[in-house]
């Protein structure tokens, strides 16, 4: 719907606007596919494989707070709490209104024995 309305309004820039929208859709499709594969690996307890898929999702869409959140959880499962915190902090930077990002941050901080910081997260 957005792209159709946008194309009608832009008029002379139709092909450029369509190309931008198409590229964005392709990027999101790749990112979503990799994230889904990561979710499947996670459910099987294959956390290292899941991290690989979430990393690919982030390569396709660096702004995917969902992939960062999921990868943070995988790092927690593998006891790599520093990396889990790094992903959680980036997740919160990208989408400060998404509550699960703060949960991931607090979890990583707690596991790092930084309890006072976790309370503030």
N, C-alpha and C. Protein backbone atom coordinates (compact mmCIF):
# COMPACT_ATOMS: atom_id res chain seq x y z
N UNK A 1 0.83 -1.19 0.00
CA UNK A 1 0.00 0.00 0.00
C UNK A 1 0.86 1.24 0.00
N UNK A 2 1.90 1.27 0.85
CA UNK A 2 2.77 2.44 0.92
C UNK A 2 3.40 2.73 -0.44
N UNK A 3 3.95 1.69 -1.09
CA UNK A 3 4.66 1.92 -2.34
C UNK A 3 3.72 2.40 -3.43
N UNK A 4 2.47 1.90 -3.46
CA UNK A 4 1.52 2.34 -4.48
C UNK A 4 1.18 3.81 -4.30
N UNK A 5 0.87 4.22 -3.08
CA UNK A 5 0.55 5.62 -2.80
C UNK A 5 1.76 6.49 -3.08
N UNK A 6 2.93 6.04 -2.66
CA UNK A 6 4.16 6.80 -2.85
C UNK A 6 4.43 7.01 -4.34
N UNK A 7 4.21 5.97 -5.13
CA UNK A 7 4.46 6.07 -6.57
C UNK A 7 3.51 7.06 -7.22
N UNK A 8 2.26 7.06 -6.83
CA UNK A 8 1.29 7.99 -7.41
C UNK A 8 1.63 9.42 -7.07
N UNK A 9 2.09 9.66 -5.86
CA UNK A 9 2.40 11.02 -5.42
C UNK A 9 3.66 11.53 -6.10
N UNK A 10 4.66 10.69 -6.25
CA UNK A 10 5.94 11.12 -6.79
C UNK A 10 5.89 11.42 -8.28
N UNK A 11 5.08 10.71 -9.02
CA UNK A 11 4.95 10.97 -10.45
C UNK A 11 6.22 10.74 -11.23
N UNK A 12 7.06 11.76 -11.36
CA UNK A 12 8.24 11.67 -12.22
C UNK A 12 9.31 10.73 -11.68
N UNK A 13 9.34 10.46 -10.41
CA UNK A 13 10.36 9.59 -9.84
C UNK A 13 9.86 8.18 -9.61
N UNK A 14 8.90 7.76 -10.41
CA UNK A 14 8.26 6.46 -10.20
C UNK A 14 9.26 5.31 -10.20
N UNK A 15 10.11 5.23 -11.20
CA UNK A 15 10.99 4.07 -11.28
C UNK A 15 11.99 4.05 -10.13
N UNK A 16 12.53 5.21 -9.75
CA UNK A 16 13.48 5.25 -8.64
C UNK A 16 12.81 4.84 -7.34
N UNK A 17 11.61 5.36 -7.09
CA UNK A 17 10.90 5.02 -5.85
C UNK A 17 10.56 3.54 -5.82
N UNK A 18 10.16 3.00 -6.95
CA UNK A 18 9.82 1.58 -7.01
C UNK A 18 11.06 0.73 -6.76
N UNK A 19 12.19 1.11 -7.36
CA UNK A 19 13.43 0.36 -7.15
C UNK A 19 13.84 0.37 -5.68
N UNK A 20 13.74 1.54 -5.03
CA UNK A 20 14.10 1.62 -3.60
C UNK A 20 13.21 0.72 -2.78
N UNK A 21 11.90 0.75 -3.04
CA UNK A 21 10.96 -0.06 -2.28
C UNK A 21 11.21 -1.54 -2.54
N UNK A 22 11.50 -1.90 -3.78
CA UNK A 22 11.77 -3.30 -4.11
C UNK A 22 13.02 -3.81 -3.40
N UNK A 23 14.08 -2.99 -3.39
CA UNK A 23 15.31 -3.40 -2.70
C UNK A 23 15.05 -3.58 -1.22
N UNK A 24 14.28 -2.69 -0.62
CA UNK A 24 13.97 -2.80 0.81
C UNK A 24 13.22 -4.10 1.07
N UNK A 25 12.27 -4.44 0.23
CA UNK A 25 11.50 -5.67 0.39
C UNK A 25 12.40 -6.89 0.28
N UNK A 26 13.33 -6.88 -0.69
CA UNK A 26 14.26 -8.00 -0.84
C UNK A 26 15.14 -8.15 0.38
N UNK A 27 15.63 -7.03 0.91
CA UNK A 27 16.48 -7.07 2.10
C UNK A 27 15.71 -7.68 3.26
N UNK A 28 14.51 -7.22 3.46
CA UNK A 28 13.72 -7.73 4.57
C UNK A 28 13.40 -9.21 4.38
N UNK A 29 13.15 -9.63 3.15
CA UNK A 29 12.85 -11.03 2.91
C UNK A 29 14.03 -11.92 3.28
N UNK A 30 15.23 -11.53 2.88
CA UNK A 30 16.41 -12.30 3.24
C UNK A 30 16.61 -12.32 4.75
N UNK A 31 16.48 -11.17 5.37
CA UNK A 31 16.66 -11.07 6.81
C UNK A 31 15.64 -11.94 7.55
N UNK A 32 14.41 -11.87 7.12
CA UNK A 32 13.37 -12.67 7.78
C UNK A 32 13.63 -14.17 7.60
N UNK A 33 14.09 -14.57 6.42
CA UNK A 33 14.37 -15.98 6.19
C UNK A 33 15.48 -16.46 7.13
N UNK A 34 16.55 -15.70 7.20
CA UNK A 34 17.66 -16.09 8.07
C UNK A 34 17.22 -16.10 9.54
N UNK A 35 16.40 -15.13 9.92
CA UNK A 35 15.93 -15.09 11.31
C UNK A 35 15.06 -16.30 11.62
N UNK A 36 14.22 -16.68 10.67
CA UNK A 36 13.37 -17.86 10.85
C UNK A 36 14.23 -19.12 11.00
N UNK A 37 15.26 -19.23 10.15
CA UNK A 37 16.17 -20.38 10.26
C UNK A 37 16.87 -20.37 11.63
N UNK A 38 17.23 -19.18 12.09
CA UNK A 38 17.84 -19.06 13.41
C UNK A 38 16.89 -19.51 14.51
N UNK A 39 15.63 -19.13 14.38
CA UNK A 39 14.63 -19.53 15.38
C UNK A 39 14.48 -21.05 15.42
N UNK A 40 14.50 -21.68 14.24
CA UNK A 40 14.39 -23.14 14.18
C UNK A 40 15.60 -23.80 14.84
N UNK A 41 16.78 -23.29 14.57
CA UNK A 41 17.99 -23.84 15.21
C UNK A 41 17.94 -23.65 16.72
N UNK A 42 17.48 -22.48 17.15
CA UNK A 42 17.38 -22.20 18.58
C UNK A 42 16.46 -23.22 19.26
N UNK A 43 15.32 -23.48 18.64
CA UNK A 43 14.35 -24.41 19.23
C UNK A 43 14.93 -25.83 19.35
N UNK A 44 15.90 -26.16 18.51
CA UNK A 44 16.55 -27.47 18.57
C UNK A 44 17.74 -27.46 19.54
N UNK A 45 18.02 -26.31 20.15
CA UNK A 45 19.16 -26.21 21.06
C UNK A 45 20.48 -26.03 20.34
N UNK A 46 20.43 -25.72 19.07
CA UNK A 46 21.63 -25.52 18.25
C UNK A 46 21.98 -24.03 18.25
N UNK A 47 22.47 -23.56 19.38
CA UNK A 47 22.66 -22.12 19.59
C UNK A 47 23.75 -21.53 18.70
N UNK A 48 24.83 -22.25 18.46
CA UNK A 48 25.89 -21.73 17.60
C UNK A 48 25.38 -21.58 16.16
N UNK A 49 24.61 -22.54 15.69
CA UNK A 49 24.02 -22.45 14.35
C UNK A 49 23.05 -21.27 14.29
N UNK A 50 22.26 -21.12 15.34
CA UNK A 50 21.30 -20.01 15.38
C UNK A 50 22.02 -18.67 15.31
N UNK A 51 23.13 -18.55 16.03
CA UNK A 51 23.92 -17.32 15.98
C UNK A 51 24.36 -17.03 14.55
N UNK A 52 24.78 -18.06 13.83
CA UNK A 52 25.18 -17.89 12.44
C UNK A 52 24.04 -17.35 11.58
N UNK A 53 22.85 -17.88 11.77
CA UNK A 53 21.70 -17.40 11.00
C UNK A 53 21.32 -15.96 11.38
N UNK A 54 21.35 -15.66 12.68
CA UNK A 54 21.02 -14.29 13.09
C UNK A 54 22.06 -13.30 12.58
N UNK A 55 23.31 -13.74 12.52
CA UNK A 55 24.36 -12.88 11.98
C UNK A 55 24.11 -12.61 10.50
N UNK A 56 23.70 -13.63 9.75
CA UNK A 56 23.36 -13.44 8.34
C UNK A 56 22.16 -12.50 8.20
N UNK A 57 21.19 -12.63 9.10
CA UNK A 57 20.04 -11.73 9.06
C UNK A 57 20.49 -10.29 9.27
N UNK A 58 21.45 -10.10 10.17
CA UNK A 58 21.96 -8.75 10.43
C UNK A 58 22.79 -8.22 9.28
N UNK A 59 23.46 -9.10 8.56
CA UNK A 59 24.19 -8.66 7.38
C UNK A 59 23.22 -8.17 6.31
N UNK A 60 22.05 -8.81 6.22
CA UNK A 60 21.02 -8.39 5.26
C UNK A 60 20.29 -7.13 5.72
N UNK A 61 20.09 -7.03 7.02
CA UNK A 61 19.38 -5.88 7.59
C UNK A 61 20.01 -5.52 8.93
N UNK A 62 21.01 -4.63 8.91
CA UNK A 62 21.73 -4.27 10.15
C UNK A 62 20.84 -3.65 11.23
N UNK A 63 19.66 -3.21 10.86
CA UNK A 63 18.77 -2.59 11.83
C UNK A 63 17.75 -3.55 12.42
N UNK A 64 17.97 -4.85 12.28
CA UNK A 64 17.00 -5.82 12.78
C UNK A 64 17.18 -6.02 14.29
N UNK A 65 16.37 -5.32 15.06
CA UNK A 65 16.45 -5.46 16.52
C UNK A 65 16.02 -6.86 16.94
N UNK A 66 15.16 -7.50 16.15
CA UNK A 66 14.72 -8.86 16.49
C UNK A 66 15.88 -9.85 16.38
N UNK A 67 16.67 -9.74 15.32
CA UNK A 67 17.82 -10.64 15.17
C UNK A 67 18.84 -10.40 16.28
N UNK A 68 19.04 -9.14 16.64
CA UNK A 68 19.97 -8.83 17.73
C UNK A 68 19.49 -9.41 19.06
N UNK A 69 18.21 -9.26 19.32
CA UNK A 69 17.65 -9.79 20.56
C UNK A 69 17.79 -11.31 20.62
N UNK A 70 17.47 -11.96 19.52
CA UNK A 70 17.56 -13.42 19.48
C UNK A 70 19.01 -13.89 19.61
N UNK A 71 19.91 -13.18 18.94
CA UNK A 71 21.32 -13.57 19.02
C UNK A 71 21.85 -13.35 20.44
N UNK A 72 21.38 -12.30 21.10
CA UNK A 72 21.76 -12.04 22.48
C UNK A 72 21.37 -13.22 23.38
N UNK A 73 20.18 -13.72 23.17
CA UNK A 73 19.72 -14.86 23.97
C UNK A 73 20.58 -16.10 23.71
N UNK A 74 20.94 -16.31 22.45
CA UNK A 74 21.83 -17.45 22.13
C UNK A 74 23.17 -17.33 22.85
N UNK A 75 23.72 -16.10 22.84
CA UNK A 75 25.00 -15.92 23.54
C UNK A 75 24.84 -16.21 25.03
N UNK A 76 23.71 -15.85 25.60
CA UNK A 76 23.48 -16.18 27.01
C UNK A 76 23.47 -17.69 27.21
N UNK A 77 22.82 -18.40 26.31
CA UNK A 77 22.75 -19.86 26.42
C UNK A 77 24.14 -20.50 26.34
N UNK A 78 25.06 -19.82 25.63
CA UNK A 78 26.42 -20.32 25.47
C UNK A 78 27.39 -19.71 26.48
N UNK A 79 26.85 -19.01 27.47
CA UNK A 79 27.62 -18.38 28.55
C UNK A 79 28.59 -17.29 28.05
N UNK A 80 28.29 -16.68 26.93
CA UNK A 80 29.08 -15.56 26.42
C UNK A 80 28.31 -14.27 26.74
N UNK A 81 28.36 -13.90 28.01
CA UNK A 81 27.52 -12.81 28.50
C UNK A 81 27.97 -11.44 28.00
N UNK A 82 29.26 -11.27 27.76
CA UNK A 82 29.73 -9.99 27.23
C UNK A 82 29.15 -9.74 25.83
N UNK A 83 29.18 -10.76 25.00
CA UNK A 83 28.63 -10.62 23.65
C UNK A 83 27.11 -10.46 23.72
N UNK A 84 26.47 -11.16 24.64
CA UNK A 84 25.03 -11.03 24.82
C UNK A 84 24.67 -9.59 25.18
N UNK A 85 25.45 -9.00 26.07
CA UNK A 85 25.21 -7.61 26.47
C UNK A 85 25.42 -6.66 25.30
N UNK A 86 26.46 -6.89 24.53
CA UNK A 86 26.73 -6.03 23.38
C UNK A 86 25.55 -6.03 22.40
N UNK A 87 25.01 -7.21 22.09
CA UNK A 87 23.86 -7.29 21.19
C UNK A 87 22.63 -6.65 21.81
N UNK A 88 22.42 -6.88 23.09
CA UNK A 88 21.26 -6.30 23.76
C UNK A 88 21.32 -4.77 23.75
N UNK A 89 22.50 -4.23 24.00
CA UNK A 89 22.64 -2.77 24.00
C UNK A 89 22.39 -2.19 22.60
N UNK A 90 22.88 -2.88 21.59
CA UNK A 90 22.63 -2.41 20.22
C UNK A 90 21.15 -2.53 19.87
N UNK A 91 20.51 -3.58 20.35
CA UNK A 91 19.08 -3.77 20.14
C UNK A 91 18.29 -2.59 20.70
N UNK A 92 18.64 -2.19 21.92
CA UNK A 92 17.96 -1.07 22.58
C UNK A 92 18.23 0.24 21.84
N UNK A 93 19.44 0.41 21.33
CA UNK A 93 19.76 1.62 20.57
C UNK A 93 18.90 1.71 19.32
N UNK A 94 18.70 0.58 18.66
CA UNK A 94 17.93 0.57 17.41
C UNK A 94 16.45 0.79 17.66
N UNK A 95 15.92 0.16 18.70
CA UNK A 95 14.48 0.30 18.99
C UNK A 95 14.30 0.47 20.49
N UNK A 96 14.36 1.70 20.93
CA UNK A 96 14.29 1.98 22.37
C UNK A 96 12.90 1.79 22.96
N UNK A 97 11.90 1.57 22.13
CA UNK A 97 10.54 1.37 22.63
C UNK A 97 10.16 -0.10 22.75
N UNK A 98 11.08 -0.98 22.36
CA UNK A 98 10.78 -2.41 22.38
C UNK A 98 11.28 -3.01 23.69
N UNK A 99 10.36 -3.42 24.53
CA UNK A 99 10.67 -3.86 25.89
C UNK A 99 11.58 -5.07 26.00
N UNK A 100 11.49 -5.99 25.05
CA UNK A 100 12.29 -7.20 25.15
C UNK A 100 13.79 -6.90 25.05
N UNK A 101 14.15 -5.82 24.37
CA UNK A 101 15.55 -5.43 24.31
C UNK A 101 16.10 -5.13 25.70
N UNK A 102 15.29 -4.46 26.50
CA UNK A 102 15.71 -4.14 27.88
C UNK A 102 15.78 -5.41 28.73
N UNK A 103 14.89 -6.35 28.47
CA UNK A 103 14.94 -7.63 29.17
C UNK A 103 16.24 -8.36 28.85
N UNK A 104 16.62 -8.36 27.57
CA UNK A 104 17.88 -9.01 27.18
C UNK A 104 19.07 -8.33 27.85
N UNK A 105 19.03 -7.01 27.91
CA UNK A 105 20.12 -6.27 28.54
C UNK A 105 20.21 -6.58 30.03
N UNK A 106 19.07 -6.55 30.71
CA UNK A 106 19.06 -6.85 32.15
C UNK A 106 19.51 -8.28 32.42
N UNK A 107 19.10 -9.21 31.57
CA UNK A 107 19.50 -10.61 31.74
C UNK A 107 21.02 -10.75 31.63
N UNK A 108 21.59 -10.14 30.59
CA UNK A 108 23.04 -10.23 30.40
C UNK A 108 23.78 -9.58 31.57
N UNK A 109 23.31 -8.44 32.02
CA UNK A 109 23.94 -7.75 33.15
C UNK A 109 23.87 -8.60 34.41
N UNK A 110 22.73 -9.21 34.67
CA UNK A 110 22.59 -10.10 35.83
C UNK A 110 23.58 -11.26 35.74
N UNK A 111 23.69 -11.85 34.58
CA UNK A 111 24.60 -12.99 34.41
C UNK A 111 26.06 -12.58 34.54
N UNK A 112 26.33 -11.30 34.30
CA UNK A 112 27.69 -10.75 34.50
C UNK A 112 27.91 -10.28 35.94
N UNK A 113 26.92 -10.54 36.80
CA UNK A 113 26.97 -10.14 38.21
C UNK A 113 26.96 -8.63 38.38
N UNK A 114 26.40 -7.91 37.44
CA UNK A 114 26.28 -6.45 37.51
C UNK A 114 24.83 -6.11 37.85
N UNK A 115 24.45 -6.50 39.05
CA UNK A 115 23.05 -6.46 39.47
C UNK A 115 22.47 -5.06 39.56
N UNK A 116 23.22 -4.11 40.03
CA UNK A 116 22.69 -2.74 40.14
C UNK A 116 22.38 -2.16 38.77
N UNK A 117 23.26 -2.42 37.82
CA UNK A 117 23.02 -1.96 36.43
C UNK A 117 21.82 -2.68 35.84
N UNK A 118 21.66 -3.95 36.16
CA UNK A 118 20.54 -4.73 35.64
C UNK A 118 19.22 -4.15 36.13
N UNK A 119 19.19 -3.70 37.39
CA UNK A 119 17.96 -3.11 37.92
C UNK A 119 17.57 -1.85 37.15
N UNK A 120 18.57 -1.09 36.72
CA UNK A 120 18.30 0.15 35.99
C UNK A 120 17.91 -0.11 34.53
N UNK A 121 18.31 -1.24 34.01
CA UNK A 121 18.02 -1.56 32.61
C UNK A 121 16.53 -1.79 32.43
